[in-house]
């Protein structure tokens, strides 16, 4: 699983002209799932998302989490995080999980953020939809979280 976090002043996602999720200050989390992911991976990365310190403290150092600043998370499914660009000019997506695997794990990531890390407000896009994502990147600060692999 890969979660690309962007610190935002605000973000929203529209589907067919309708806003389906929106937040003010917080994190935009693009979430990609691969076939080897499981519930433990989703829970681990949800915890990391909630606790990673990407917000400034009173000294201007990134020392506060989205929980600390009472921010929110907008989670958007993003299979293209598993694009393989090593050969040719057209990316391949064979490492991305099929929707029937990816959707339950994306939903688990969201549920874990909501339940285990409250009172964190979590909004989402719509899984599998063609989404228009709008954001005002703050910083910019962009961080990639991945499950750890064994050597």
N, C-alpha and C. Protein backbone atom coordinates (compact mmCIF):
# COMPACT_ATOMS: atom_id res chain seq x y z
N UNK A 1 0.86 -1.17 0.00
CA UNK A 1 0.00 0.00 0.00
C UNK A 1 0.90 1.23 0.00
N UNK A 2 0.49 2.19 -0.79
CA UNK A 2 1.17 3.47 -0.82
C UNK A 2 0.16 4.56 -0.51
N UNK A 3 0.56 5.49 0.35
CA UNK A 3 -0.27 6.64 0.67
C UNK A 3 0.57 7.89 0.43
N UNK A 4 0.16 8.67 -0.55
CA UNK A 4 0.83 9.92 -0.85
C UNK A 4 0.08 11.02 -0.13
N UNK A 5 0.76 11.62 0.87
CA UNK A 5 0.14 12.66 1.69
C UNK A 5 0.56 14.03 1.20
N UNK A 6 -0.39 14.93 1.10
CA UNK A 6 -0.09 16.32 0.82
C UNK A 6 -0.76 17.16 1.89
N UNK A 7 0.03 18.03 2.50
CA UNK A 7 -0.52 18.95 3.48
C UNK A 7 -1.26 20.03 2.71
N UNK A 8 -2.52 20.26 3.07
CA UNK A 8 -3.35 21.19 2.31
C UNK A 8 -4.01 22.23 3.21
N UNK A 9 -4.24 23.40 2.62
CA UNK A 9 -5.05 24.43 3.27
C UNK A 9 -6.53 24.09 3.09
N UNK A 10 -6.85 23.49 1.94
CA UNK A 10 -8.18 22.93 1.69
C UNK A 10 -8.07 21.97 0.51
N UNK A 11 -9.03 21.06 0.43
CA UNK A 11 -9.08 20.12 -0.68
C UNK A 11 -10.52 19.63 -0.84
N UNK A 12 -10.86 19.28 -2.08
CA UNK A 12 -12.18 18.72 -2.34
C UNK A 12 -12.08 17.78 -3.52
N UNK A 13 -13.09 16.93 -3.64
CA UNK A 13 -13.17 16.01 -4.77
C UNK A 13 -14.60 16.02 -5.30
N UNK A 14 -14.69 16.16 -6.62
CA UNK A 14 -15.98 16.19 -7.30
C UNK A 14 -16.11 14.97 -8.20
N UNK A 15 -17.33 14.45 -8.29
CA UNK A 15 -17.67 13.38 -9.23
C UNK A 15 -18.89 13.85 -10.00
N UNK A 16 -18.75 13.92 -11.33
CA UNK A 16 -19.83 14.35 -12.21
C UNK A 16 -20.40 15.71 -11.77
N UNK A 17 -19.51 16.61 -11.37
CA UNK A 17 -19.93 17.96 -11.00
C UNK A 17 -20.46 18.12 -9.58
N UNK A 18 -20.50 17.04 -8.83
CA UNK A 18 -21.00 17.07 -7.44
C UNK A 18 -19.83 16.89 -6.49
N UNK A 19 -19.73 17.77 -5.48
CA UNK A 19 -18.70 17.62 -4.46
C UNK A 19 -19.10 16.47 -3.54
N UNK A 20 -18.21 15.45 -3.49
CA UNK A 20 -18.51 14.27 -2.66
C UNK A 20 -17.67 14.24 -1.39
N UNK A 21 -16.63 15.07 -1.32
CA UNK A 21 -15.79 15.15 -0.13
C UNK A 21 -15.02 16.45 -0.14
N UNK A 22 -14.90 17.08 1.02
CA UNK A 22 -14.16 18.34 1.11
C UNK A 22 -13.66 18.54 2.54
N UNK A 23 -12.45 19.12 2.65
CA UNK A 23 -11.89 19.44 3.95
C UNK A 23 -11.26 20.83 3.90
N UNK A 24 -11.09 21.40 5.06
CA UNK A 24 -10.27 22.59 5.20
C UNK A 24 -8.86 22.09 5.50
N UNK A 25 -8.13 22.74 6.37
CA UNK A 25 -6.73 22.38 6.65
C UNK A 25 -6.61 20.92 7.08
N UNK A 26 -5.61 20.26 6.52
CA UNK A 26 -5.38 18.87 6.87
C UNK A 26 -4.51 18.17 5.86
N UNK A 27 -4.85 16.91 5.59
CA UNK A 27 -4.06 16.08 4.68
C UNK A 27 -4.95 15.52 3.57
N UNK A 28 -4.45 15.61 2.35
CA UNK A 28 -5.03 14.91 1.22
C UNK A 28 -4.23 13.62 1.09
N UNK A 29 -4.91 12.49 1.18
CA UNK A 29 -4.25 11.19 1.14
C UNK A 29 -4.68 10.43 -0.11
N UNK A 30 -3.75 10.31 -1.06
CA UNK A 30 -3.98 9.47 -2.23
C UNK A 30 -3.55 8.06 -1.84
N UNK A 31 -4.43 7.08 -1.97
CA UNK A 31 -4.19 5.74 -1.47
C UNK A 31 -4.19 4.73 -2.62
N UNK A 32 -3.05 4.05 -2.78
CA UNK A 32 -2.92 3.00 -3.78
C UNK A 32 -2.74 1.66 -3.09
N UNK A 33 -3.37 0.63 -3.64
CA UNK A 33 -3.35 -0.70 -3.05
C UNK A 33 -2.74 -1.68 -4.06
N UNK A 34 -1.89 -2.57 -3.55
CA UNK A 34 -1.33 -3.64 -4.38
C UNK A 34 -1.83 -4.99 -3.87
N UNK A 35 -1.68 -6.02 -4.67
CA UNK A 35 -2.26 -7.34 -4.37
C UNK A 35 -1.79 -7.93 -3.05
N UNK A 36 -0.58 -7.61 -2.60
CA UNK A 36 -0.06 -8.22 -1.37
C UNK A 36 -0.49 -7.49 -0.11
N UNK A 37 -1.26 -6.44 -0.23
CA UNK A 37 -1.70 -5.69 0.95
C UNK A 37 -2.76 -6.46 1.72
N UNK A 38 -2.89 -6.10 2.99
CA UNK A 38 -3.88 -6.75 3.84
C UNK A 38 -4.41 -5.74 4.86
N UNK A 39 -5.29 -6.20 5.72
CA UNK A 39 -5.92 -5.35 6.73
C UNK A 39 -4.87 -4.72 7.65
N UNK A 40 -3.87 -5.49 8.03
CA UNK A 40 -2.82 -4.95 8.92
C UNK A 40 -2.08 -3.80 8.25
N UNK A 41 -1.84 -3.91 6.95
CA UNK A 41 -1.18 -2.83 6.23
C UNK A 41 -2.05 -1.57 6.24
N UNK A 42 -3.33 -1.74 5.97
CA UNK A 42 -4.25 -0.60 5.97
C UNK A 42 -4.29 0.07 7.34
N UNK A 43 -4.35 -0.73 8.40
CA UNK A 43 -4.38 -0.17 9.76
C UNK A 43 -3.08 0.54 10.11
N UNK A 44 -1.94 -0.05 9.73
CA UNK A 44 -0.64 0.55 10.02
C UNK A 44 -0.48 1.89 9.32
N UNK A 45 -0.85 1.95 8.05
CA UNK A 45 -0.70 3.21 7.32
C UNK A 45 -1.73 4.25 7.74
N UNK A 46 -2.89 3.82 8.20
CA UNK A 46 -3.86 4.76 8.76
C UNK A 46 -3.29 5.40 10.03
N UNK A 47 -2.69 4.57 10.89
CA UNK A 47 -2.07 5.09 12.12
C UNK A 47 -0.95 6.06 11.79
N UNK A 48 -0.14 5.72 10.80
CA UNK A 48 0.97 6.60 10.40
C UNK A 48 0.41 7.92 9.85
N UNK A 49 -0.65 7.85 9.06
CA UNK A 49 -1.27 9.06 8.52
C UNK A 49 -1.74 9.97 9.65
N UNK A 50 -2.37 9.40 10.64
CA UNK A 50 -2.91 10.20 11.75
C UNK A 50 -1.82 10.81 12.62
N UNK A 51 -0.68 10.11 12.72
CA UNK A 51 0.34 10.52 13.69
C UNK A 51 1.56 11.21 13.10
N UNK A 52 1.74 11.15 11.77
CA UNK A 52 2.94 11.74 11.18
C UNK A 52 2.92 13.27 11.39
N UNK A 53 4.06 13.79 11.76
CA UNK A 53 4.15 15.21 12.14
C UNK A 53 4.56 16.05 10.93
N UNK A 54 3.56 16.61 10.27
CA UNK A 54 3.78 17.42 9.07
C UNK A 54 3.32 18.87 9.23
N UNK A 55 2.87 19.22 10.42
CA UNK A 55 2.36 20.57 10.67
C UNK A 55 3.28 21.30 11.64
N UNK A 56 3.40 22.59 11.43
CA UNK A 56 4.33 23.41 12.20
C UNK A 56 3.87 23.61 13.64
N UNK A 57 4.85 23.61 14.55
CA UNK A 57 4.60 24.00 15.94
C UNK A 57 4.85 25.50 16.06
N UNK A 58 4.88 25.99 17.30
CA UNK A 58 5.06 27.44 17.52
C UNK A 58 6.44 27.93 17.08
N UNK A 59 7.38 27.03 16.91
CA UNK A 59 8.73 27.40 16.44
C UNK A 59 8.89 27.22 14.93
N UNK A 60 7.82 26.84 14.25
CA UNK A 60 7.87 26.67 12.81
C UNK A 60 8.43 25.32 12.36
N UNK A 61 8.64 24.41 13.29
CA UNK A 61 9.16 23.08 12.94
C UNK A 61 7.98 22.11 12.73
N UNK A 62 8.14 21.20 11.78
CA UNK A 62 7.10 20.20 11.55
C UNK A 62 7.11 19.23 12.72
N UNK A 63 6.27 19.51 13.69
CA UNK A 63 6.28 18.76 14.93
C UNK A 63 4.87 18.41 15.41
N UNK A 64 3.86 18.65 14.57
CA UNK A 64 2.48 18.37 14.96
C UNK A 64 1.81 17.50 13.90
N UNK A 65 0.94 16.62 14.38
CA UNK A 65 0.19 15.74 13.49
C UNK A 65 -1.13 16.39 13.10
N UNK A 66 -1.83 15.77 12.17
CA UNK A 66 -3.15 16.25 11.79
C UNK A 66 -4.10 16.18 12.99
N UNK A 67 -3.89 15.21 13.87
CA UNK A 67 -4.68 15.14 15.10
C UNK A 67 -4.38 16.33 16.01
N UNK A 68 -3.09 16.65 16.14
CA UNK A 68 -2.67 17.76 17.02
C UNK A 68 -3.26 19.09 16.59
N UNK A 69 -3.39 19.30 15.28
CA UNK A 69 -3.89 20.58 14.78
C UNK A 69 -5.40 20.54 14.52
N UNK A 70 -6.04 19.45 14.90
CA UNK A 70 -7.47 19.25 14.71
C UNK A 70 -7.86 19.45 13.24
N UNK A 71 -7.02 18.88 12.37
CA UNK A 71 -7.28 18.94 10.94
C UNK A 71 -8.14 17.77 10.51
N UNK A 72 -8.24 17.59 9.20
CA UNK A 72 -9.05 16.53 8.63
C UNK A 72 -8.24 15.82 7.54
N UNK A 73 -8.76 14.70 7.08
CA UNK A 73 -8.12 13.95 6.00
C UNK A 73 -9.15 13.74 4.89
N UNK A 74 -8.72 13.99 3.66
CA UNK A 74 -9.50 13.65 2.48
C UNK A 74 -8.79 12.49 1.80
N UNK A 75 -9.39 11.29 1.84
CA UNK A 75 -8.77 10.09 1.27
C UNK A 75 -9.36 9.83 -0.11
N UNK A 76 -8.45 9.62 -1.08
CA UNK A 76 -8.86 9.41 -2.47
C UNK A 76 -8.14 8.17 -2.99
N UNK A 77 -8.89 7.21 -3.50
CA UNK A 77 -8.27 6.02 -4.07
C UNK A 77 -7.50 6.40 -5.34
N UNK A 78 -6.32 5.80 -5.51
CA UNK A 78 -5.43 6.22 -6.60
C UNK A 78 -4.59 5.03 -7.06
N UNK A 79 -5.15 4.21 -7.95
CA UNK A 79 -4.41 3.03 -8.41
C UNK A 79 -3.15 3.41 -9.17
N UNK A 80 -3.07 4.62 -9.71
CA UNK A 80 -1.90 5.02 -10.50
C UNK A 80 -0.65 5.20 -9.65
N UNK A 81 -0.76 5.13 -8.33
CA UNK A 81 0.43 5.14 -7.49
C UNK A 81 1.28 3.89 -7.72
N UNK A 82 0.69 2.88 -8.34
CA UNK A 82 1.43 1.67 -8.68
C UNK A 82 1.75 1.59 -10.18
N UNK A 83 1.89 2.73 -10.81
CA UNK A 83 2.28 2.76 -12.22
C UNK A 83 3.71 2.26 -12.38
N UNK A 84 3.92 1.40 -13.37
CA UNK A 84 5.26 0.92 -13.72
C UNK A 84 5.68 1.66 -14.98
N UNK A 85 6.71 2.51 -14.84
CA UNK A 85 7.17 3.34 -15.94
C UNK A 85 8.56 2.95 -16.43
N UNK A 86 9.02 1.76 -16.05
CA UNK A 86 10.38 1.35 -16.39
C UNK A 86 10.58 1.10 -17.88
N UNK A 87 9.54 0.75 -18.60
CA UNK A 87 9.70 0.40 -20.01
C UNK A 87 8.70 1.18 -20.85
N UNK A 88 9.17 1.80 -21.90
CA UNK A 88 8.29 2.52 -22.82
C UNK A 88 7.74 3.79 -22.23
N UNK A 89 6.75 4.34 -22.90
CA UNK A 89 6.17 5.62 -22.49
C UNK A 89 4.76 5.49 -21.94
N UNK A 90 4.22 4.28 -21.97
CA UNK A 90 2.88 4.08 -21.43
C UNK A 90 3.01 3.28 -20.14
N UNK A 91 2.54 3.85 -19.03
CA UNK A 91 2.68 3.12 -17.76
C UNK A 91 1.83 1.86 -17.74
N UNK A 92 2.35 0.87 -17.03
CA UNK A 92 1.59 -0.35 -16.77
C UNK A 92 1.09 -0.34 -15.35
N UNK A 93 -0.01 -1.02 -15.11
CA UNK A 93 -0.62 -0.98 -13.77
C UNK A 93 -0.82 -2.38 -13.19
N UNK A 94 0.00 -3.34 -13.61
CA UNK A 94 -0.17 -4.71 -13.16
C UNK A 94 0.10 -4.88 -11.67
N UNK A 95 0.82 -3.95 -11.05
CA UNK A 95 1.08 -4.04 -9.61
C UNK A 95 -0.09 -3.53 -8.78
N UNK A 96 -0.99 -2.77 -9.40
CA UNK A 96 -2.16 -2.26 -8.68
C UNK A 96 -3.14 -3.40 -8.45
N UNK A 97 -3.74 -3.43 -7.27
CA UNK A 97 -4.72 -4.47 -6.95
C UNK A 97 -5.97 -4.29 -7.79
N UNK A 98 -6.62 -5.40 -8.10
CA UNK A 98 -7.91 -5.34 -8.77
C UNK A 98 -8.92 -4.68 -7.85
N UNK A 99 -9.95 -4.06 -8.42
CA UNK A 99 -10.93 -3.33 -7.59
C UNK A 99 -11.53 -4.16 -6.46
N UNK A 100 -11.78 -5.45 -6.70
CA UNK A 100 -12.40 -6.26 -5.65
C UNK A 100 -11.47 -6.50 -4.46
N UNK A 101 -10.17 -6.31 -4.66
CA UNK A 101 -9.19 -6.38 -3.57
C UNK A 101 -8.95 -4.98 -3.00
N UNK A 102 -8.82 -4.02 -3.88
CA UNK A 102 -8.44 -2.67 -3.47
C UNK A 102 -9.53 -1.94 -2.70
N UNK A 103 -10.77 -2.06 -3.14
CA UNK A 103 -11.84 -1.28 -2.49
C UNK A 103 -12.02 -1.64 -1.01
N UNK A 104 -12.09 -2.91 -0.64
CA UNK A 104 -12.22 -3.21 0.79
C UNK A 104 -11.03 -2.72 1.62
N UNK A 105 -9.82 -2.76 1.06
CA UNK A 105 -8.66 -2.30 1.81
C UNK A 105 -8.62 -0.78 1.89
N UNK A 106 -9.04 -0.09 0.84
CA UNK A 106 -9.18 1.37 0.91
C UNK A 106 -10.22 1.72 1.98
N UNK A 107 -11.34 1.03 1.97
CA UNK A 107 -12.39 1.30 2.97
C UNK A 107 -11.89 1.00 4.38
N UNK A 108 -11.06 -0.03 4.53
CA UNK A 108 -10.50 -0.35 5.85
C UNK A 108 -9.58 0.78 6.32
N UNK A 109 -8.73 1.30 5.42
CA UNK A 109 -7.85 2.44 5.74
C UNK A 109 -8.70 3.61 6.26
N UNK A 110 -9.77 3.92 5.56
CA UNK A 110 -10.65 5.03 5.95
C UNK A 110 -11.32 4.73 7.29
N UNK A 111 -11.84 3.53 7.45
CA UNK A 111 -12.50 3.16 8.71
C UNK A 111 -11.53 3.20 9.88
N UNK A 112 -10.31 2.76 9.65
CA UNK A 112 -9.30 2.79 10.70
C UNK A 112 -8.98 4.23 11.10
N UNK A 113 -8.86 5.10 10.12
CA UNK A 113 -8.64 6.52 10.44
C UNK A 113 -9.78 7.08 11.28
N UNK A 114 -11.00 6.74 10.91
CA UNK A 114 -12.18 7.28 11.60
C UNK A 114 -12.34 6.71 13.01
N UNK A 115 -12.13 5.41 13.18
CA UNK A 115 -12.44 4.79 14.47
C UNK A 115 -11.28 4.81 15.45
N UNK A 116 -10.10 4.47 14.99
CA UNK A 116 -8.98 4.32 15.91
C UNK A 116 -8.26 5.63 16.19
N UNK A 117 -8.53 6.63 15.41
CA UNK A 117 -7.77 7.86 15.55
C UNK A 117 -8.68 9.08 15.67
N UNK A 118 -9.84 8.89 16.31
CA UNK A 118 -10.78 9.99 16.50
C UNK A 118 -10.24 11.00 17.47
N UNK A 119 -10.71 12.19 17.45
CA UNK A 119 -11.84 12.66 16.64
C UNK A 119 -11.38 13.22 15.29
N UNK A 120 -10.82 12.38 14.47
CA UNK A 120 -10.31 12.81 13.18
C UNK A 120 -11.43 12.75 12.14
N UNK A 121 -11.70 13.89 11.52
CA UNK A 121 -12.71 13.94 10.46
C UNK A 121 -12.08 13.41 9.17
N UNK A 122 -12.74 12.46 8.54
CA UNK A 122 -12.24 11.85 7.31
C UNK A 122 -13.33 11.92 6.24
N UNK A 123 -12.98 12.50 5.12
CA UNK A 123 -13.85 12.56 3.95
C UNK A 123 -13.22 11.68 2.88
N UNK A 124 -14.00 11.31 1.86
CA UNK A 124 -13.46 10.48 0.79
C UNK A 124 -13.98 10.95 -0.57
N UNK A 125 -13.29 10.45 -1.59
CA UNK A 125 -13.81 10.54 -2.93
C UNK A 125 -14.76 9.37 -3.13
N UNK A 126 -14.92 8.94 -4.38
CA UNK A 126 -15.76 7.79 -4.68
C UNK A 126 -14.91 6.75 -5.40
N UNK A 127 -14.77 5.60 -4.80
CA UNK A 127 -13.88 4.57 -5.32
C UNK A 127 -14.25 4.23 -6.77
N UNK A 128 -13.24 4.21 -7.63
CA UNK A 128 -13.42 3.81 -9.02
C UNK A 128 -14.02 4.86 -9.93
N UNK A 129 -14.40 6.00 -9.38
CA UNK A 129 -15.02 7.04 -10.19
C UNK A 129 -13.96 7.92 -10.85
N UNK A 130 -14.35 8.62 -11.89
CA UNK A 130 -13.52 9.64 -12.50
C UNK A 130 -13.69 10.89 -11.64
N UNK A 131 -12.65 11.23 -10.89
CA UNK A 131 -12.76 12.30 -9.89
C UNK A 131 -11.95 13.53 -10.29
N UNK A 132 -12.50 14.69 -9.98
CA UNK A 132 -11.77 15.94 -10.09
C UNK A 132 -11.34 16.34 -8.69
N UNK A 133 -10.03 16.37 -8.46
CA UNK A 133 -9.50 16.69 -7.13
C UNK A 133 -8.97 18.11 -7.17
N UNK A 134 -9.42 18.91 -6.23
CA UNK A 134 -8.99 20.30 -6.11
C UNK A 134 -8.26 20.45 -4.79
N UNK A 135 -7.11 21.11 -4.82
CA UNK A 135 -6.37 21.29 -3.57
C UNK A 135 -5.56 22.57 -3.60
N UNK A 136 -5.33 23.06 -2.42
CA UNK A 136 -4.39 24.16 -2.21
C UNK A 136 -3.30 23.58 -1.31
N UNK A 137 -2.19 23.20 -1.97
CA UNK A 137 -1.08 22.57 -1.26
C UNK A 137 -0.46 23.58 -0.32
N UNK A 138 -0.21 23.16 0.90
CA UNK A 138 0.35 24.03 1.94
C UNK A 138 1.82 23.67 2.14
N UNK A 139 2.69 24.55 1.70
CA UNK A 139 4.13 24.32 1.92
C UNK A 139 4.96 24.56 0.68
N UNK A 140 4.93 23.73 -0.29
CA UNK A 140 4.25 22.43 -0.34
C UNK A 140 4.94 21.37 0.51
N UNK A 141 4.13 20.50 1.07
CA UNK A 141 4.63 19.35 1.83
C UNK A 141 3.97 18.12 1.24
N UNK A 142 4.78 17.20 0.71
CA UNK A 142 4.30 15.95 0.12
C UNK A 142 5.19 14.82 0.62
N UNK A 143 4.57 13.77 1.17
CA UNK A 143 5.30 12.65 1.76
C UNK A 143 4.67 11.34 1.30
N UNK A 144 5.51 10.38 0.93
CA UNK A 144 5.03 9.06 0.53
C UNK A 144 5.20 8.07 1.68
N UNK A 145 4.09 7.44 2.07
CA UNK A 145 4.13 6.37 3.05
C UNK A 145 3.96 5.06 2.30
N UNK A 146 4.75 4.05 2.67
CA UNK A 146 4.62 2.72 2.08
C UNK A 146 4.72 1.69 3.18
N UNK A 147 4.10 0.54 2.92
CA UNK A 147 4.31 -0.56 3.86
C UNK A 147 5.77 -0.97 3.76
N UNK A 148 6.31 -1.39 4.87
CA UNK A 148 7.70 -1.82 4.87
C UNK A 148 7.81 -3.20 4.27
N UNK A 149 8.84 -3.40 3.47
CA UNK A 149 9.05 -4.72 2.90
C UNK A 149 10.22 -5.38 3.60
N UNK A 150 10.17 -6.68 3.64
CA UNK A 150 11.24 -7.43 4.31
C UNK A 150 12.46 -7.50 3.38
N UNK A 151 13.69 -7.35 3.92
CA UNK A 151 14.87 -7.43 3.07
C UNK A 151 15.11 -8.83 2.53
